[in-house]
Amino acid sequence: MQVSFNGINNIRIFKKEYAKYGAYVTQDNKVKQGDKHYTVVKISCNLSDDKEGNDLTKFRDALRKSGAGYEAKCINPQEPDKFELTLTRQDVKDTKGHVSMSDFMINNFDVMLNSREALPMFSYIAYLSRRIAGIESLSQPRRDCINLINKSAENEAVKFIELI
């Protein structure tokens, strides 16, 4: 899908789902077994600044505020405006309930919410996913993929904030 919307260009959205049976560690550090359902969603786009929005500047600001080398590792030197976000979400259902875990990568670099410094990156993920979801011409299945990214980022942020 090629779309231009307020500084977000050439949007491509991919989704892959698969399941595996295996071991996993719960949030209380117990090892359990169960069905793991994986969902991988990838967004690829080019960011720019224009009269409607400063998407590229906001991305770079979030990287700068996040520290820990994000600025150096999340920018592709050959294509500095390129933004690739990959969500790998694991949903596990067992006899005690449902557990979800989400991992994020930006331009092939793991983005982990393990410190306050990383919060600006997760805020940017939420911001960008809301902007893309607002594109009127976006199909409902693609909008659902974007909303999954937004919900997963929100869940990770809530988990982190509850721990501090």
N, C-alpha and C. Protein backbone atom coordinates (compact mmCIF):
# COMPACT_ATOMS: atom_id res chain seq x y z
N MET A 1 0.85 -1.17 0.00
CA MET A 1 0.00 0.00 0.00
C MET A 1 0.89 1.23 0.00
N GLN A 2 0.74 2.10 -0.94
CA GLN A 2 1.50 3.35 -1.03
C GLN A 2 0.57 4.49 -0.64
N VAL A 3 0.87 5.13 0.47
CA VAL A 3 0.01 6.20 0.98
C VAL A 3 0.89 7.34 1.47
N SER A 4 0.43 8.54 1.28
CA SER A 4 1.10 9.70 1.85
C SER A 4 0.12 10.39 2.77
N PHE A 5 0.51 10.59 4.02
CA PHE A 5 -0.39 11.18 5.01
C PHE A 5 0.44 11.97 6.00
N ASN A 6 0.45 13.27 5.85
CA ASN A 6 1.09 14.13 6.84
C ASN A 6 2.48 13.69 7.26
N GLY A 7 3.38 13.52 6.33
CA GLY A 7 4.75 13.19 6.69
C GLY A 7 5.03 11.71 6.86
N ILE A 8 4.05 10.88 6.60
CA ILE A 8 4.23 9.42 6.66
C ILE A 8 3.98 8.91 5.25
N ASN A 9 5.01 8.38 4.59
CA ASN A 9 4.91 8.01 3.18
C ASN A 9 5.26 6.54 2.97
N ASN A 10 4.78 6.00 1.87
CA ASN A 10 5.13 4.64 1.44
C ASN A 10 4.89 3.61 2.54
N ILE A 11 3.72 3.63 3.12
CA ILE A 11 3.40 2.73 4.23
C ILE A 11 3.17 1.31 3.70
N ARG A 12 3.82 0.37 4.36
CA ARG A 12 3.60 -1.05 4.08
C ARG A 12 3.33 -1.73 5.42
N ILE A 13 2.33 -2.58 5.43
CA ILE A 13 1.95 -3.27 6.67
C ILE A 13 1.90 -4.76 6.38
N PHE A 14 2.59 -5.55 7.19
CA PHE A 14 2.64 -7.00 7.04
C PHE A 14 2.21 -7.66 8.34
N LYS A 15 1.60 -8.82 8.22
CA LYS A 15 1.20 -9.56 9.42
C LYS A 15 1.40 -11.05 9.18
N LYS A 16 1.91 -11.72 10.20
CA LYS A 16 2.10 -13.17 10.15
C LYS A 16 1.67 -13.73 11.49
N GLU A 17 0.93 -14.84 11.47
CA GLU A 17 0.50 -15.49 12.70
C GLU A 17 0.89 -16.96 12.64
N TYR A 18 1.29 -17.49 13.79
CA TYR A 18 1.58 -18.92 13.90
C TYR A 18 1.49 -19.32 15.36
N ALA A 19 1.42 -20.62 15.59
CA ALA A 19 1.28 -21.13 16.96
C ALA A 19 2.34 -22.20 17.22
N LYS A 20 2.74 -22.30 18.50
CA LYS A 20 3.68 -23.33 18.95
C LYS A 20 3.28 -23.75 20.35
N TYR A 21 3.54 -24.99 20.65
CA TYR A 21 3.38 -25.46 22.02
C TYR A 21 4.76 -25.43 22.65
N GLY A 22 4.85 -24.88 23.85
CA GLY A 22 6.16 -24.84 24.47
C GLY A 22 6.14 -24.25 25.86
N ALA A 23 7.32 -24.10 26.40
CA ALA A 23 7.47 -23.54 27.74
C ALA A 23 7.55 -22.02 27.66
N TYR A 24 7.13 -21.39 28.72
CA TYR A 24 7.21 -19.94 28.82
C TYR A 24 7.34 -19.57 30.29
N VAL A 25 7.79 -18.36 30.53
CA VAL A 25 7.95 -17.87 31.89
C VAL A 25 6.86 -16.84 32.15
N THR A 26 6.12 -17.05 33.22
CA THR A 26 5.05 -16.12 33.58
C THR A 26 5.63 -14.86 34.18
N GLN A 27 4.79 -13.87 34.41
CA GLN A 27 5.26 -12.61 34.98
C GLN A 27 5.77 -12.78 36.40
N ASP A 28 5.33 -13.83 37.09
CA ASP A 28 5.85 -14.09 38.44
C ASP A 28 7.00 -15.10 38.41
N ASN A 29 7.66 -15.23 37.24
CA ASN A 29 8.85 -16.05 37.05
C ASN A 29 8.64 -17.54 37.27
N LYS A 30 7.48 -18.05 36.93
CA LYS A 30 7.24 -19.49 36.98
C LYS A 30 7.28 -20.04 35.56
N VAL A 31 7.92 -21.20 35.40
CA VAL A 31 7.99 -21.84 34.10
C VAL A 31 6.75 -22.70 33.92
N LYS A 32 6.05 -22.49 32.81
CA LYS A 32 4.84 -23.25 32.51
C LYS A 32 4.88 -23.69 31.07
N GLN A 33 3.95 -24.58 30.73
CA GLN A 33 3.81 -25.02 29.34
C GLN A 33 2.41 -24.70 28.86
N GLY A 34 2.32 -24.45 27.57
CA GLY A 34 1.02 -24.15 26.99
C GLY A 34 1.15 -23.78 25.53
N ASP A 35 0.03 -23.48 24.91
CA ASP A 35 0.02 -23.04 23.53
C ASP A 35 0.41 -21.57 23.46
N LYS A 36 1.40 -21.30 22.63
CA LYS A 36 1.83 -19.92 22.41
C LYS A 36 1.39 -19.51 21.01
N HIS A 37 0.60 -18.47 20.94
CA HIS A 37 0.16 -17.93 19.66
C HIS A 37 1.00 -16.69 19.37
N TYR A 38 1.70 -16.69 18.26
CA TYR A 38 2.57 -15.57 17.89
C TYR A 38 1.90 -14.73 16.81
N THR A 39 2.00 -13.44 16.96
CA THR A 39 1.57 -12.50 15.93
C THR A 39 2.73 -11.55 15.68
N VAL A 40 3.14 -11.48 14.43
CA VAL A 40 4.21 -10.56 14.04
C VAL A 40 3.60 -9.53 13.10
N VAL A 41 3.72 -8.27 13.47
CA VAL A 41 3.23 -7.17 12.62
C VAL A 41 4.41 -6.26 12.32
N LYS A 42 4.55 -5.92 11.06
CA LYS A 42 5.64 -5.04 10.65
C LYS A 42 5.07 -3.87 9.87
N ILE A 43 5.50 -2.68 10.24
CA ILE A 43 5.16 -1.46 9.51
C ILE A 43 6.46 -0.91 8.95
N SER A 44 6.43 -0.58 7.69
CA SER A 44 7.57 0.07 7.06
C SER A 44 7.06 1.35 6.40
N CYS A 45 7.77 2.45 6.62
CA CYS A 45 7.36 3.71 6.00
C CYS A 45 8.55 4.66 5.97
N ASN A 46 8.36 5.77 5.29
CA ASN A 46 9.33 6.85 5.28
C ASN A 46 8.70 8.04 5.99
N LEU A 47 9.48 8.65 6.86
CA LEU A 47 8.99 9.80 7.62
C LEU A 47 9.57 11.09 7.06
N SER A 48 8.79 12.14 7.14
CA SER A 48 9.27 13.46 6.72
C SER A 48 8.58 14.53 7.56
N ASP A 49 9.06 15.73 7.42
CA ASP A 49 8.43 16.89 8.05
C ASP A 49 7.73 17.68 6.95
N ASP A 50 6.51 18.11 7.22
CA ASP A 50 5.80 18.95 6.28
C ASP A 50 4.88 19.90 7.04
N LYS A 51 4.08 20.65 6.33
CA LYS A 51 3.23 21.65 6.99
C LYS A 51 2.20 21.04 7.91
N GLU A 52 1.87 19.76 7.72
CA GLU A 52 0.85 19.08 8.53
C GLU A 52 1.43 18.41 9.77
N GLY A 53 2.72 18.12 9.76
CA GLY A 53 3.29 17.42 10.91
C GLY A 53 4.79 17.25 10.78
N ASN A 54 5.45 17.07 11.89
CA ASN A 54 6.90 16.89 11.94
C ASN A 54 7.22 15.48 12.39
N ASP A 55 6.79 14.51 11.61
CA ASP A 55 6.94 13.11 12.01
C ASP A 55 8.39 12.68 12.13
N LEU A 56 9.24 13.10 11.21
CA LEU A 56 10.65 12.73 11.27
C LEU A 56 11.34 13.39 12.47
N THR A 57 11.05 14.65 12.70
CA THR A 57 11.63 15.36 13.85
C THR A 57 11.16 14.74 15.16
N LYS A 58 9.89 14.40 15.25
CA LYS A 58 9.37 13.77 16.47
C LYS A 58 10.04 12.42 16.72
N PHE A 59 10.29 11.65 15.66
CA PHE A 59 10.98 10.37 15.79
C PHE A 59 12.39 10.59 16.31
N ARG A 60 13.12 11.52 15.72
CA ARG A 60 14.49 11.80 16.16
C ARG A 60 14.53 12.34 17.58
N ASP A 61 13.55 13.16 17.95
CA ASP A 61 13.48 13.67 19.33
C ASP A 61 13.25 12.53 20.32
N ALA A 62 12.36 11.60 19.97
CA ALA A 62 12.11 10.45 20.85
C ALA A 62 13.36 9.60 21.00
N LEU A 63 14.10 9.40 19.91
CA LEU A 63 15.35 8.65 19.98
C LEU A 63 16.35 9.34 20.90
N ARG A 64 16.50 10.64 20.72
CA ARG A 64 17.45 11.41 21.52
C ARG A 64 17.09 11.34 23.01
N LYS A 65 15.81 11.46 23.32
CA LYS A 65 15.37 11.43 24.72
C LYS A 65 15.49 10.04 25.33
N SER A 66 15.50 9.00 24.49
CA SER A 66 15.52 7.63 25.00
C SER A 66 16.90 7.17 25.42
N GLY A 67 17.94 7.86 25.00
CA GLY A 67 19.29 7.51 25.43
C GLY A 67 19.67 6.09 25.04
N ALA A 68 20.59 5.52 25.79
CA ALA A 68 21.05 4.13 25.64
C ALA A 68 21.40 3.77 24.20
N GLY A 69 21.89 4.73 23.43
CA GLY A 69 22.32 4.44 22.07
C GLY A 69 21.21 4.32 21.05
N TYR A 70 19.99 4.66 21.42
CA TYR A 70 18.88 4.53 20.48
C TYR A 70 19.12 5.35 19.22
N GLU A 71 19.60 6.57 19.39
CA GLU A 71 19.78 7.46 18.24
C GLU A 71 20.76 6.85 17.23
N ALA A 72 21.84 6.27 17.72
CA ALA A 72 22.84 5.69 16.83
C ALA A 72 22.38 4.39 16.21
N LYS A 73 21.59 3.61 16.93
CA LYS A 73 21.23 2.27 16.46
C LYS A 73 19.91 2.20 15.71
N CYS A 74 19.04 3.17 15.87
CA CYS A 74 17.71 3.10 15.24
C CYS A 74 17.61 3.91 13.95
N ILE A 75 18.68 4.57 13.56
CA ILE A 75 18.65 5.33 12.31
C ILE A 75 19.51 4.60 11.28
N ASN A 76 18.93 4.32 10.14
CA ASN A 76 19.62 3.68 9.04
C ASN A 76 20.42 4.76 8.30
N PRO A 77 21.77 4.71 8.32
CA PRO A 77 22.56 5.77 7.69
C PRO A 77 22.30 5.90 6.19
N GLN A 78 21.97 4.80 5.51
CA GLN A 78 21.70 4.85 4.08
C GLN A 78 20.33 5.46 3.78
N GLU A 79 19.37 5.27 4.69
CA GLU A 79 18.02 5.79 4.52
C GLU A 79 17.56 6.40 5.85
N PRO A 80 18.03 7.60 6.19
CA PRO A 80 17.74 8.17 7.51
C PRO A 80 16.26 8.46 7.77
N ASP A 81 15.44 8.48 6.72
CA ASP A 81 14.01 8.73 6.92
C ASP A 81 13.20 7.44 7.03
N LYS A 82 13.88 6.30 6.91
CA LYS A 82 13.18 5.01 6.94
C LYS A 82 12.84 4.62 8.37
N PHE A 83 11.62 4.13 8.54
CA PHE A 83 11.14 3.69 9.85
C PHE A 83 10.51 2.32 9.67
N GLU A 84 11.07 1.32 10.34
CA GLU A 84 10.49 -0.03 10.34
C GLU A 84 10.23 -0.43 11.78
N LEU A 85 9.00 -0.72 12.06
CA LEU A 85 8.60 -1.15 13.39
C LEU A 85 8.10 -2.58 13.30
N THR A 86 8.66 -3.45 14.12
CA THR A 86 8.22 -4.84 14.18
C THR A 86 7.74 -5.15 15.58
N LEU A 87 6.52 -5.64 15.66
CA LEU A 87 5.95 -6.13 16.91
C LEU A 87 5.90 -7.64 16.83
N THR A 88 6.45 -8.32 17.83
CA THR A 88 6.28 -9.76 17.98
C THR A 88 5.54 -9.96 19.28
N ARG A 89 4.33 -10.42 19.17
CA ARG A 89 3.47 -10.59 20.35
C ARG A 89 3.22 -12.07 20.57
N GLN A 90 3.37 -12.49 21.83
CA GLN A 90 3.07 -13.87 22.22
C GLN A 90 1.86 -13.84 23.14
N ASP A 91 0.87 -14.59 22.77
CA ASP A 91 -0.31 -14.75 23.63
C ASP A 91 -0.34 -16.20 24.07
N VAL A 92 -0.37 -16.39 25.38
CA VAL A 92 -0.33 -17.74 25.94
C VAL A 92 -1.61 -17.97 26.74
N LYS A 93 -2.27 -19.06 26.43
CA LYS A 93 -3.45 -19.43 27.20
C LYS A 93 -3.15 -20.76 27.87
N ASP A 94 -3.38 -20.79 29.17
CA ASP A 94 -3.24 -22.05 29.90
C ASP A 94 -4.43 -22.18 30.83
N THR A 95 -4.34 -23.12 31.75
CA THR A 95 -5.48 -23.38 32.64
C THR A 95 -5.74 -22.22 33.59
N LYS A 96 -4.75 -21.37 33.82
CA LYS A 96 -4.92 -20.27 34.77
C LYS A 96 -5.30 -18.95 34.11
N GLY A 97 -5.29 -18.89 32.80
CA GLY A 97 -5.67 -17.64 32.15
C GLY A 97 -4.87 -17.33 30.91
N HIS A 98 -4.77 -16.06 30.64
CA HIS A 98 -4.16 -15.55 29.42
C HIS A 98 -3.03 -14.57 29.76
N VAL A 99 -1.89 -14.76 29.12
CA VAL A 99 -0.74 -13.87 29.32
C VAL A 99 -0.28 -13.38 27.95
N SER A 100 0.01 -12.09 27.84
CA SER A 100 0.53 -11.52 26.60
C SER A 100 1.89 -10.88 26.87
N MET A 101 2.80 -11.08 25.94
CA MET A 101 4.12 -10.47 26.01
C MET A 101 4.42 -9.87 24.64
N SER A 102 4.98 -8.69 24.62
CA SER A 102 5.25 -8.01 23.35
C SER A 102 6.71 -7.57 23.29
N ASP A 103 7.30 -7.77 22.13
CA ASP A 103 8.66 -7.30 21.85
C ASP A 103 8.59 -6.36 20.66
N PHE A 104 9.33 -5.28 20.72
CA PHE A 104 9.34 -4.29 19.66
C PHE A 104 10.75 -4.12 19.11
N MET A 105 10.82 -3.90 17.81
CA MET A 105 12.09 -3.55 17.16
C MET A 105 11.84 -2.35 16.27
N ILE A 106 12.77 -1.42 16.28
CA ILE A 106 12.74 -0.29 15.35
C ILE A 106 14.01 -0.36 14.52
N ASN A 107 13.83 -0.47 13.21
CA ASN A 107 14.96 -0.59 12.29
C ASN A 107 15.94 -1.66 12.75
N ASN A 108 15.41 -2.83 13.12
CA ASN A 108 16.16 -4.01 13.54
C ASN A 108 16.91 -3.84 14.86
N PHE A 109 16.50 -2.92 15.69
CA PHE A 109 17.09 -2.73 17.02
C PHE A 109 16.00 -2.95 18.07
N ASP A 110 16.28 -3.82 19.05
CA ASP A 110 15.30 -4.09 20.11
C ASP A 110 15.03 -2.85 20.93
N VAL A 111 13.77 -2.54 21.08
CA VAL A 111 13.34 -1.42 21.91
C VAL A 111 12.68 -2.02 23.13
N MET A 112 13.32 -1.86 24.28
CA MET A 112 12.82 -2.47 25.51
C MET A 112 12.43 -1.39 26.50
N LEU A 113 11.32 -1.60 27.12
CA LEU A 113 10.85 -0.66 28.13
C LEU A 113 11.32 -1.15 29.49
N ASN A 114 12.62 -0.93 29.74
CA ASN A 114 13.20 -1.37 31.01
C ASN A 114 13.76 -0.20 31.83
N SER A 115 13.51 1.01 31.34
CA SER A 115 13.91 2.21 32.09
C SER A 115 13.01 3.37 31.67
N ARG A 116 13.00 4.39 32.51
CA ARG A 116 12.19 5.58 32.20
C ARG A 116 12.63 6.24 30.90
N GLU A 117 13.91 6.13 30.58
CA GLU A 117 14.43 6.77 29.37
C GLU A 117 13.77 6.23 28.11
N ALA A 118 13.32 4.98 28.12
CA ALA A 118 12.71 4.39 26.93
C ALA A 118 11.25 4.81 26.73
N LEU A 119 10.65 5.44 27.72
CA LEU A 119 9.25 5.86 27.59
C LEU A 119 8.99 6.76 26.38
N PRO A 120 9.86 7.70 26.02
CA PRO A 120 9.59 8.51 24.83
C PRO A 120 9.48 7.67 23.55
N MET A 121 10.24 6.58 23.46
CA MET A 121 10.14 5.73 22.27
C MET A 121 8.77 5.07 22.21
N PHE A 122 8.28 4.60 23.35
CA PHE A 122 6.96 3.96 23.37
C PHE A 122 5.86 4.99 23.13
N SER A 123 6.06 6.20 23.59
CA SER A 123 5.10 7.28 23.29
C SER A 123 5.07 7.54 21.79
N TYR A 124 6.25 7.50 21.15
CA TYR A 124 6.29 7.73 19.71
C TYR A 124 5.63 6.57 18.96
N ILE A 125 5.85 5.35 19.40
CA ILE A 125 5.18 4.20 18.77
C ILE A 125 3.67 4.39 18.84
N ALA A 126 3.15 4.79 19.99
CA ALA A 126 1.71 5.01 20.14
C ALA A 126 1.25 6.16 19.25
N TYR A 127 2.02 7.24 19.22
CA TYR A 127 1.68 8.40 18.39
C TYR A 127 1.59 7.99 16.92
N LEU A 128 2.64 7.33 16.42
CA LEU A 128 2.68 6.97 15.01
C LEU A 128 1.59 5.97 14.65
N SER A 129 1.35 5.01 15.52
CA SER A 129 0.30 4.02 15.22
C SER A 129 -1.08 4.68 15.18
N ARG A 130 -1.33 5.65 16.05
CA ARG A 130 -2.61 6.37 15.99
C ARG A 130 -2.72 7.18 14.71
N ARG A 131 -1.62 7.80 14.29
CA ARG A 131 -1.64 8.59 13.04
C ARG A 131 -1.93 7.69 11.84
N ILE A 132 -1.28 6.54 11.78
CA ILE A 132 -1.49 5.64 10.65
C ILE A 132 -2.90 5.07 10.70
N ALA A 133 -3.38 4.69 11.88
CA ALA A 133 -4.74 4.15 12.01
C ALA A 133 -5.78 5.17 11.57
N GLY A 134 -5.45 6.44 11.63
CA GLY A 134 -6.39 7.49 11.23
C GLY A 134 -6.49 7.73 9.74
N ILE A 135 -5.69 7.03 8.96
CA ILE A 135 -5.75 7.20 7.51
C ILE A 135 -7.07 6.62 7.01
N GLU A 136 -7.87 7.45 6.36
CA GLU A 136 -9.20 7.02 5.94
C GLU A 136 -9.17 5.89 4.93
N SER A 137 -8.19 5.87 4.05
CA SER A 137 -8.15 4.85 3.00
C SER A 137 -7.58 3.50 3.48
N LEU A 138 -7.18 3.42 4.72
CA LEU A 138 -6.61 2.18 5.26
C LEU A 138 -7.70 1.13 5.42
N SER A 139 -7.44 -0.08 4.94
CA SER A 139 -8.43 -1.16 5.06
C SER A 139 -8.56 -1.58 6.52
N GLN A 140 -9.69 -2.20 6.85
CA GLN A 140 -9.94 -2.61 8.23
C GLN A 140 -8.91 -3.63 8.73
N PRO A 141 -8.53 -4.65 7.93
CA PRO A 141 -7.50 -5.58 8.43
C PRO A 141 -6.18 -4.88 8.75
N ARG A 142 -5.78 -3.91 7.93
CA ARG A 142 -4.54 -3.17 8.21
C ARG A 142 -4.72 -2.28 9.44
N ARG A 143 -5.88 -1.68 9.57
CA ARG A 143 -6.17 -0.86 10.75
C ARG A 143 -6.11 -1.72 12.01
N ASP A 144 -6.61 -2.95 11.93
CA ASP A 144 -6.55 -3.88 13.07
C ASP A 144 -5.10 -4.18 13.45
N CYS A 145 -4.23 -4.34 12.45
CA CYS A 145 -2.79 -4.57 12.73
C CYS A 145 -2.19 -3.38 13.46
N ILE A 146 -2.50 -2.19 13.00
CA ILE A 146 -1.98 -0.97 13.62
C ILE A 146 -2.51 -0.84 15.04
N ASN A 147 -3.79 -1.13 15.23
CA ASN A 147 -4.39 -1.04 16.56
C ASN A 147 -3.77 -2.06 17.52
N LEU A 148 -3.36 -3.24 17.00
CA LEU A 148 -2.68 -4.23 17.83
C LEU A 148 -1.34 -3.67 18.32
N ILE A 149 -0.63 -2.98 17.45
CA ILE A 149 0.63 -2.35 17.86
C ILE A 149 0.37 -1.33 18.95
N ASN A 150 -0.63 -0.49 18.74
CA ASN A 150 -0.95 0.54 19.72
C ASN A 150 -1.32 -0.07 21.06
N LYS A 151 -2.18 -1.08 21.04
CA LYS A 151 -2.62 -1.74 22.28
C LYS A 151 -1.44 -2.42 22.98
N SER A 152 -0.57 -3.08 22.21
CA SER A 152 0.58 -3.76 22.80
C SER A 152 1.54 -2.76 23.44
N ALA A 153 1.79 -1.64 22.78
CA ALA A 153 2.66 -0.60 23.36
C ALA A 153 2.04 -0.05 24.63
N GLU A 154 0.74 0.16 24.61
CA GLU A 154 0.04 0.66 25.81
C GLU A 154 0.16 -0.34 26.95
N ASN A 155 -0.06 -1.63 26.65
CA ASN A 155 0.04 -2.66 27.69
C ASN A 155 1.43 -2.71 28.31
N GLU A 156 2.47 -2.63 27.48
CA GLU A 156 3.84 -2.66 27.99
C GLU A 156 4.11 -1.43 28.85
N ALA A 157 3.62 -0.27 28.43
CA ALA A 157 3.83 0.95 29.22
C ALA A 157 3.11 0.86 30.56
N VAL A 158 1.90 0.34 30.57
CA VAL A 158 1.15 0.19 31.82
C VAL A 158 1.87 -0.78 32.76
N LYS A 159 2.35 -1.90 32.23
CA LYS A 159 3.10 -2.86 33.06
C LYS A 159 4.32 -2.19 33.68
N PHE A 160 5.05 -1.42 32.87
CA PHE A 160 6.25 -0.76 33.36
C PHE A 160 5.91 0.27 34.43
N ILE A 161 4.92 1.09 34.17
CA ILE A 161 4.55 2.15 35.12
C ILE A 161 4.07 1.56 36.44
N GLU A 162 3.39 0.42 36.39
CA GLU A 162 2.94 -0.22 37.62
C GLU A 162 4.11 -0.71 38.47
N LEU A 163 5.25 -0.98 37.83
CA LEU A 163 6.43 -1.47 38.55
C LEU A 163 7.25 -0.35 39.19
N ILE A 164 7.07 0.88 38.73
CA ILE A 164 7.88 1.97 39.30
C ILE A 164 7.14 2.72 40.39
